[in-house]
N, C-alpha and C. Protein backbone atom coordinates (compact mmCIF):
# COMPACT_ATOMS: atom_id res chain seq x y z
N MET A 1 -192.99 64.49 -63.47
CA MET A 1 -193.54 65.30 -62.35
C MET A 1 -194.80 65.99 -62.85
N THR A 2 -195.74 66.02 -62.00
CA THR A 2 -197.03 66.70 -62.36
C THR A 2 -196.81 68.24 -62.16
N ILE A 3 -197.08 68.84 -63.29
CA ILE A 3 -197.10 70.33 -63.25
C ILE A 3 -198.47 70.75 -63.82
N ILE A 4 -199.13 71.61 -63.20
CA ILE A 4 -200.45 71.97 -63.63
C ILE A 4 -200.41 73.51 -64.00
N HIS A 5 -200.69 73.77 -65.29
CA HIS A 5 -200.87 75.10 -65.84
C HIS A 5 -202.07 75.03 -66.75
N THR A 6 -202.68 76.20 -66.86
CA THR A 6 -203.82 76.37 -67.85
C THR A 6 -203.35 76.39 -69.27
N GLU A 7 -202.00 76.82 -69.43
CA GLU A 7 -201.53 76.94 -70.80
C GLU A 7 -201.01 75.59 -71.46
N GLN A 8 -200.94 74.54 -70.57
CA GLN A 8 -200.46 73.30 -71.13
C GLN A 8 -201.45 72.70 -72.10
N GLN A 9 -200.93 72.05 -73.11
CA GLN A 9 -201.78 71.44 -74.13
C GLN A 9 -201.69 69.84 -73.73
N LEU A 10 -202.53 69.47 -72.82
CA LEU A 10 -202.58 68.15 -72.37
C LEU A 10 -204.00 67.76 -71.85
N VAL A 11 -204.20 66.53 -71.56
CA VAL A 11 -205.50 66.16 -70.94
C VAL A 11 -205.24 65.49 -69.60
N THR A 12 -206.18 65.69 -68.72
CA THR A 12 -205.98 65.06 -67.40
C THR A 12 -207.07 64.02 -67.20
N LEU A 13 -206.65 62.88 -66.90
CA LEU A 13 -207.60 61.72 -66.50
C LEU A 13 -207.73 61.85 -64.96
N ILE A 14 -209.01 61.87 -64.58
CA ILE A 14 -209.34 61.78 -63.15
C ILE A 14 -210.25 60.58 -63.06
N ASN A 15 -209.86 59.52 -62.40
CA ASN A 15 -210.56 58.27 -62.38
C ASN A 15 -210.75 57.97 -60.86
N VAL A 16 -212.01 57.97 -60.46
CA VAL A 16 -212.38 57.71 -59.08
C VAL A 16 -212.92 56.26 -58.96
N PHE A 17 -212.13 55.41 -58.29
CA PHE A 17 -212.54 53.98 -58.01
C PHE A 17 -213.16 53.89 -56.71
N THR A 18 -214.25 53.18 -56.65
CA THR A 18 -214.86 52.80 -55.35
C THR A 18 -214.40 51.43 -54.97
N VAL A 19 -214.05 51.20 -53.71
CA VAL A 19 -213.58 49.93 -53.21
C VAL A 19 -214.32 49.51 -51.96
N GLU A 20 -214.36 48.24 -51.77
CA GLU A 20 -214.90 47.72 -50.45
C GLU A 20 -213.92 48.16 -49.37
N PRO A 21 -214.44 48.41 -48.13
CA PRO A 21 -213.48 48.70 -47.07
C PRO A 21 -212.48 47.51 -46.89
N GLY A 22 -211.30 47.90 -46.67
CA GLY A 22 -210.29 46.82 -46.51
C GLY A 22 -209.50 46.49 -47.87
N ARG A 23 -210.01 46.94 -49.02
CA ARG A 23 -209.27 46.59 -50.26
C ARG A 23 -208.65 47.92 -50.80
N GLN A 24 -208.71 49.07 -50.19
CA GLN A 24 -208.17 50.30 -50.66
C GLN A 24 -206.59 50.16 -50.99
N GLN A 25 -205.89 49.71 -49.91
CA GLN A 25 -204.44 49.62 -50.17
C GLN A 25 -204.08 48.65 -51.23
N GLU A 26 -204.85 47.58 -51.36
CA GLU A 26 -204.65 46.65 -52.47
C GLU A 26 -204.70 47.27 -53.76
N LEU A 27 -205.74 48.15 -54.00
CA LEU A 27 -205.92 48.84 -55.23
C LEU A 27 -204.70 49.81 -55.48
N VAL A 28 -204.52 50.55 -54.46
CA VAL A 28 -203.36 51.63 -54.52
C VAL A 28 -202.07 50.91 -54.96
N ASP A 29 -201.73 49.84 -54.30
CA ASP A 29 -200.51 49.07 -54.67
C ASP A 29 -200.61 48.60 -56.08
N PHE A 30 -201.75 48.00 -56.51
CA PHE A 30 -201.83 47.47 -57.90
C PHE A 30 -201.81 48.58 -58.92
N LEU A 31 -202.44 49.73 -58.67
CA LEU A 31 -202.34 50.84 -59.67
C LEU A 31 -200.86 51.30 -59.70
N ALA A 32 -200.26 51.46 -58.57
CA ALA A 32 -198.83 51.93 -58.55
C ALA A 32 -197.98 51.01 -59.40
N HIS A 33 -198.19 49.75 -59.20
CA HIS A 33 -197.43 48.69 -59.94
C HIS A 33 -197.63 48.74 -61.40
N ILE A 34 -198.82 48.77 -61.86
CA ILE A 34 -199.09 48.80 -63.30
C ILE A 34 -198.64 50.17 -63.89
N THR A 35 -198.73 51.21 -63.15
CA THR A 35 -198.27 52.52 -63.59
C THR A 35 -196.76 52.51 -63.84
N ALA A 36 -196.02 51.95 -62.79
CA ALA A 36 -194.49 51.88 -62.92
C ALA A 36 -194.04 50.91 -63.98
N THR A 37 -194.78 49.93 -64.22
CA THR A 37 -194.26 48.77 -65.15
C THR A 37 -194.88 48.80 -66.62
N ILE A 38 -196.04 49.47 -66.80
CA ILE A 38 -196.67 49.37 -68.18
C ILE A 38 -197.19 50.84 -68.56
N ILE A 39 -197.97 51.45 -67.74
CA ILE A 39 -198.49 52.69 -68.20
C ILE A 39 -197.46 53.81 -68.44
N ASN A 40 -196.53 53.91 -67.61
CA ASN A 40 -195.52 55.04 -67.84
C ASN A 40 -194.60 54.76 -69.01
N LYS A 41 -194.67 53.62 -69.62
CA LYS A 41 -193.99 53.35 -70.79
C LYS A 41 -194.70 53.68 -72.10
N GLN A 42 -195.96 54.10 -71.95
CA GLN A 42 -196.79 54.36 -73.18
C GLN A 42 -196.53 55.74 -73.73
N PRO A 43 -196.45 55.86 -75.02
CA PRO A 43 -196.24 57.15 -75.60
C PRO A 43 -197.39 58.15 -75.08
N GLY A 44 -196.89 59.35 -74.94
CA GLY A 44 -197.78 60.41 -74.41
C GLY A 44 -198.05 60.49 -72.98
N TYR A 45 -197.62 59.54 -72.18
CA TYR A 45 -197.68 59.63 -70.79
C TYR A 45 -196.91 60.69 -70.22
N ILE A 46 -197.46 61.43 -69.26
CA ILE A 46 -196.68 62.49 -68.49
C ILE A 46 -196.47 62.11 -67.06
N SER A 47 -197.58 61.92 -66.31
CA SER A 47 -197.52 61.68 -64.90
C SER A 47 -198.73 60.97 -64.33
N ALA A 48 -198.60 60.44 -63.21
CA ALA A 48 -199.78 59.85 -62.50
C ALA A 48 -199.65 60.15 -61.05
N ASN A 49 -200.73 60.42 -60.32
CA ASN A 49 -200.79 60.53 -58.89
C ASN A 49 -201.93 59.79 -58.35
N ILE A 50 -201.67 58.90 -57.36
CA ILE A 50 -202.75 58.09 -56.86
C ILE A 50 -203.00 58.52 -55.39
N HIS A 51 -204.30 58.81 -55.19
CA HIS A 51 -204.76 59.34 -53.85
C HIS A 51 -205.70 58.28 -53.25
N LYS A 52 -205.84 58.25 -51.95
CA LYS A 52 -206.72 57.40 -51.32
C LYS A 52 -207.56 58.19 -50.30
N SER A 53 -208.77 57.90 -50.22
CA SER A 53 -209.63 58.70 -49.34
C SER A 53 -209.46 58.22 -47.93
N LEU A 54 -209.77 59.21 -47.02
CA LEU A 54 -209.53 58.91 -45.59
C LEU A 54 -210.48 57.94 -45.04
N ASP A 55 -211.68 57.81 -45.69
CA ASP A 55 -212.64 56.86 -45.23
C ASP A 55 -212.47 55.45 -45.72
N GLY A 56 -211.36 55.26 -46.65
CA GLY A 56 -211.01 53.86 -47.05
C GLY A 56 -211.92 53.28 -48.22
N THR A 57 -212.65 54.11 -48.80
CA THR A 57 -213.65 53.58 -49.81
C THR A 57 -213.40 54.08 -51.25
N LYS A 58 -212.43 54.99 -51.41
CA LYS A 58 -212.17 55.55 -52.72
C LYS A 58 -210.64 55.59 -53.00
N VAL A 59 -210.28 55.34 -54.33
CA VAL A 59 -208.89 55.59 -54.69
C VAL A 59 -209.10 56.49 -55.98
N THR A 60 -208.30 57.55 -56.06
CA THR A 60 -208.43 58.44 -57.31
C THR A 60 -207.05 58.55 -57.89
N ASN A 61 -207.10 58.27 -59.22
CA ASN A 61 -205.91 58.45 -60.12
C ASN A 61 -206.10 59.70 -60.89
N TYR A 62 -205.09 60.53 -60.64
CA TYR A 62 -204.96 61.88 -61.42
C TYR A 62 -203.72 61.68 -62.35
N ALA A 63 -203.99 61.49 -63.64
CA ALA A 63 -202.91 61.27 -64.59
C ALA A 63 -202.97 62.27 -65.69
N GLN A 64 -201.84 62.71 -66.15
CA GLN A 64 -201.64 63.58 -67.32
C GLN A 64 -201.16 62.83 -68.56
N TRP A 65 -201.72 63.24 -69.71
CA TRP A 65 -201.42 62.63 -70.99
C TRP A 65 -201.17 63.79 -71.98
N ARG A 66 -200.39 63.68 -73.01
CA ARG A 66 -200.07 64.65 -73.95
C ARG A 66 -201.31 65.07 -74.79
N SER A 67 -202.21 64.08 -74.94
CA SER A 67 -203.40 64.37 -75.69
C SER A 67 -204.37 63.25 -75.44
N GLN A 68 -205.62 63.41 -75.88
CA GLN A 68 -206.72 62.48 -75.73
C GLN A 68 -206.30 61.28 -76.71
N ALA A 69 -205.71 61.53 -77.79
CA ALA A 69 -205.31 60.42 -78.75
C ALA A 69 -204.33 59.53 -78.06
N TYR A 70 -203.35 60.00 -77.33
CA TYR A 70 -202.39 59.20 -76.67
C TYR A 70 -203.12 58.36 -75.59
N PHE A 71 -204.00 59.01 -74.85
CA PHE A 71 -204.66 58.24 -73.86
C PHE A 71 -205.50 57.14 -74.40
N GLU A 72 -206.18 57.40 -75.50
CA GLU A 72 -207.00 56.40 -76.11
C GLU A 72 -206.09 55.27 -76.70
N ALA A 73 -204.94 55.63 -77.20
CA ALA A 73 -204.06 54.60 -77.67
C ALA A 73 -203.62 53.60 -76.52
N MET A 74 -203.38 54.20 -75.39
CA MET A 74 -203.02 53.44 -74.18
C MET A 74 -204.18 52.43 -73.87
N LEU A 75 -205.38 52.98 -73.92
CA LEU A 75 -206.57 52.08 -73.68
C LEU A 75 -206.70 50.91 -74.55
N ASN A 76 -206.18 51.04 -75.82
CA ASN A 76 -206.17 50.02 -76.84
C ASN A 76 -205.02 49.11 -76.75
N ASN A 77 -204.00 49.33 -75.88
CA ASN A 77 -202.87 48.53 -75.70
C ASN A 77 -203.38 47.27 -74.95
N PRO A 78 -203.15 46.08 -75.48
CA PRO A 78 -203.60 44.79 -74.84
C PRO A 78 -203.12 44.52 -73.44
N LYS A 79 -201.83 44.93 -73.17
CA LYS A 79 -201.36 44.79 -71.83
C LYS A 79 -202.04 45.70 -70.86
N ALA A 80 -202.28 46.98 -71.23
CA ALA A 80 -202.93 47.92 -70.34
C ALA A 80 -204.38 47.50 -70.14
N ARG A 81 -205.01 47.07 -71.20
CA ARG A 81 -206.37 46.62 -71.11
C ARG A 81 -206.54 45.44 -70.06
N GLU A 82 -205.57 44.49 -70.24
CA GLU A 82 -205.56 43.35 -69.37
C GLU A 82 -205.53 43.76 -67.91
N HIS A 83 -204.64 44.60 -67.65
CA HIS A 83 -204.31 45.13 -66.27
C HIS A 83 -205.60 45.92 -65.76
N MET A 84 -206.22 46.65 -66.65
CA MET A 84 -207.40 47.39 -66.18
C MET A 84 -208.56 46.52 -65.86
N GLN A 85 -208.60 45.35 -66.44
CA GLN A 85 -209.58 44.36 -66.13
C GLN A 85 -209.33 43.79 -64.68
N GLN A 86 -208.00 43.61 -64.39
CA GLN A 86 -207.69 43.14 -63.08
C GLN A 86 -207.99 44.20 -62.03
N VAL A 87 -207.81 45.51 -62.38
CA VAL A 87 -208.19 46.60 -61.48
C VAL A 87 -209.70 46.41 -61.07
N MET A 88 -210.53 46.06 -62.06
CA MET A 88 -211.91 45.98 -61.82
C MET A 88 -212.29 44.75 -61.03
N GLN A 89 -211.28 43.85 -60.88
CA GLN A 89 -211.53 42.65 -59.91
C GLN A 89 -211.36 43.16 -58.43
N ILE A 90 -210.71 44.28 -58.24
CA ILE A 90 -210.51 44.92 -56.90
C ILE A 90 -211.55 45.96 -56.61
N ALA A 91 -211.69 46.84 -57.58
CA ALA A 91 -212.71 48.01 -57.37
C ALA A 91 -214.09 47.44 -57.77
N THR A 92 -215.03 48.13 -57.08
CA THR A 92 -216.42 47.81 -57.40
C THR A 92 -216.96 48.76 -58.46
N LYS A 93 -216.31 49.93 -58.70
CA LYS A 93 -216.80 50.93 -59.61
C LYS A 93 -215.57 51.79 -60.00
N ALA A 94 -215.58 52.23 -61.32
CA ALA A 94 -214.60 53.22 -61.78
C ALA A 94 -215.40 54.31 -62.51
N GLU A 95 -214.94 55.52 -62.32
CA GLU A 95 -215.49 56.67 -62.91
C GLU A 95 -214.46 57.55 -63.69
N PRO A 96 -213.96 56.97 -64.83
CA PRO A 96 -212.90 57.78 -65.57
C PRO A 96 -213.49 58.90 -66.33
N THR A 97 -212.86 60.14 -66.28
CA THR A 97 -213.24 61.25 -67.06
C THR A 97 -212.01 61.98 -67.48
N LEU A 98 -212.03 62.51 -68.67
CA LEU A 98 -210.88 63.33 -69.18
C LEU A 98 -211.31 64.85 -68.90
N TYR A 99 -210.25 65.58 -68.57
CA TYR A 99 -210.44 67.00 -68.18
C TYR A 99 -209.38 67.88 -68.90
N GLU A 100 -209.55 69.16 -68.97
CA GLU A 100 -208.56 70.09 -69.31
C GLU A 100 -208.51 71.08 -68.06
N VAL A 101 -207.35 71.68 -67.88
CA VAL A 101 -207.19 72.54 -66.65
C VAL A 101 -207.89 73.88 -67.00
N ALA A 102 -208.77 74.31 -66.16
CA ALA A 102 -209.52 75.52 -66.45
C ALA A 102 -209.03 76.71 -65.50
N TYR A 103 -208.59 76.49 -64.33
CA TYR A 103 -208.22 77.40 -63.32
C TYR A 103 -207.21 76.87 -62.34
N ILE A 104 -206.31 77.72 -61.86
CA ILE A 104 -205.33 77.28 -60.89
C ILE A 104 -205.13 78.48 -59.92
N ASP A 105 -205.06 78.16 -58.62
CA ASP A 105 -204.64 79.11 -57.54
C ASP A 105 -203.77 78.42 -56.68
N HIS A 106 -202.72 79.13 -56.16
CA HIS A 106 -201.83 78.59 -55.07
C HIS A 106 -201.12 79.68 -54.39
N VAL A 107 -200.58 79.36 -53.23
CA VAL A 107 -199.84 80.29 -52.45
C VAL A 107 -198.45 80.20 -53.03
N GLU A 108 -197.81 81.35 -53.25
CA GLU A 108 -196.42 81.38 -53.67
C GLU A 108 -195.37 80.74 -52.70
N GLU A 109 -195.56 81.09 -51.41
CA GLU A 109 -194.65 80.63 -50.36
C GLU A 109 -195.44 79.72 -49.41
N HIS A 110 -194.98 78.55 -49.31
CA HIS A 110 -195.67 77.68 -48.33
C HIS A 110 -195.21 77.83 -46.94
N THR A 111 -196.05 78.47 -46.07
CA THR A 111 -195.65 78.69 -44.70
C THR A 111 -196.80 78.04 -43.80
N PRO A 112 -196.40 77.50 -42.70
CA PRO A 112 -197.41 76.95 -41.76
C PRO A 112 -198.36 78.08 -41.21
N HIS A 113 -199.56 77.74 -41.01
CA HIS A 113 -200.57 78.58 -40.41
C HIS A 113 -200.12 78.84 -38.91
N ALA A 114 -200.49 79.96 -38.46
CA ALA A 114 -200.16 80.24 -37.04
C ALA A 114 -200.90 79.31 -36.09
N SER A 115 -202.07 78.82 -36.47
CA SER A 115 -202.85 77.91 -35.55
C SER A 115 -202.18 76.49 -35.42
N GLY A 116 -201.23 76.17 -36.24
CA GLY A 116 -200.55 74.88 -36.23
C GLY A 116 -201.22 73.82 -36.88
N ILE A 117 -202.30 74.09 -37.62
CA ILE A 117 -203.09 73.03 -38.32
C ILE A 117 -202.47 72.65 -39.58
């Protein structure tokens, strides 16, 4: 499960993929498949969340790793590398960047707004 805290000693990968209209779900499905079958078995893996843009042109992977070293080890895994090459057969662009959590804000109790939105 993804838990976000500033005190956590981990790194976050945010990878924004650009896709041609009509290929978004294909990329979502493929990323989910390789995450469930390969990536989540790698040492240091914590979680992954795949988001798709409402305009159909972007897919964002938000993944947590125990350290940058674990993330880099995954990149050097031949199976993972092979599948990432397949990802780039679907996506036209990838923008992977590692982050650390700097600030968090959230509502303690989730209640619907009076406006119904």
